[in-house]
Amino acid sequence: MPGSPYLEETPSGLLTWQRFTMIGILVAVSLIGFGIYFDVLTYVITAIIVIGTVRYLASN
C-alpha cells in the first residue's frame, strides 16, 4: 500500500478509513432504503441527525 506505515500489508483486524467509509456508506444506504420502504424516512433522517449531534457534542 503506497504511503502506508506498514511494510507489506495492513494488519488483520485493523479498521482503515477505506473500510470504515464503505461500512458507513452501506449502513446509510440501507437506512435510507428502510426509511423509503416503510415510509418513515423523515424519522430515520431525524434520528441520524440527532444521534450525530449528540455524539459530536459529547466528544468535545
Protein backbone atom coordinates (compact mmCIF):
# COMPACT_ATOMS: atom_id res chain seq x y z
CA MET A 1 0.00 0.00 0.00
CA PRO A 2 1.73 3.25 -1.11
CA GLY A 3 2.29 5.77 1.67
CA SER A 4 1.37 3.23 4.31
CA PRO A 5 3.36 2.92 7.54
CA TYR A 6 3.11 -0.86 7.19
CA LEU A 7 5.95 -2.64 5.42
CA GLU A 8 3.99 -5.16 3.38
CA GLU A 9 0.31 -5.45 4.15
CA THR A 10 -2.26 -3.94 6.51
CA PRO A 11 -2.50 -5.94 9.77
CA SER A 12 -5.59 -8.12 10.04
CA GLY A 13 -8.40 -6.69 12.11
CA LEU A 14 -7.35 -3.08 11.52
CA LEU A 15 -10.23 -0.79 10.52
CA THR A 16 -8.83 1.52 7.84
CA TRP A 17 -10.55 4.62 6.51
CA GLN A 18 -11.38 2.87 3.25
CA ARG A 19 -13.10 0.03 5.07
CA PHE A 20 -14.78 2.41 7.54
CA THR A 21 -16.13 4.56 4.69
CA MET A 22 -17.55 1.55 2.86
CA ILE A 23 -19.26 0.31 6.03
CA GLY A 24 -20.68 3.79 6.66
CA ILE A 25 -21.99 4.08 3.11
CA LEU A 26 -23.61 0.63 3.31
CA VAL A 27 -25.28 1.49 6.62
CA ALA A 28 -26.51 4.85 5.30
CA VAL A 29 -27.91 3.35 2.09
CA SER A 30 -29.65 0.55 3.99
CA LEU A 31 -31.17 3.01 6.48
CA ILE A 32 -32.42 5.26 3.69
CA GLY A 33 -33.81 2.25 1.83
CA PHE A 34 -35.51 1.07 5.01
CA GLY A 35 -36.97 4.54 5.53
CA ILE A 36 -38.31 4.76 1.98
CA TYR A 37 -39.76 1.25 2.03
CA PHE A 38 -41.57 1.65 5.34
CA ASP A 39 -42.42 5.33 4.73
CA VAL A 40 -40.52 6.54 7.80
CA LEU A 41 -37.68 8.31 6.01
CA THR A 42 -38.14 11.57 7.93
CA TYR A 43 -37.87 9.71 11.24
CA VAL A 44 -34.71 7.92 10.11
CA ILE A 45 -33.07 11.16 8.92
CA THR A 46 -34.09 12.95 12.13
CA ALA A 47 -32.69 10.14 14.26
CA ILE A 48 -29.38 10.19 12.34
CA ILE A 49 -29.08 13.96 12.77
CA VAL A 50 -29.94 13.84 16.49
CA ILE A 51 -27.57 10.96 17.22
CA GLY A 52 -24.79 12.60 15.21
CA THR A 53 -25.25 15.91 17.02
CA VAL A 54 -25.25 14.27 20.45
CA ARG A 55 -22.11 12.28 19.62
CA TYR A 56 -20.39 15.40 18.30
CA LEU A 57 -21.24 17.43 21.39
CA ALA A 58 -20.27 14.58 23.72
CA SER A 59 -16.87 14.17 22.05
CA ASN A 60 -15.85 17.79 22.69
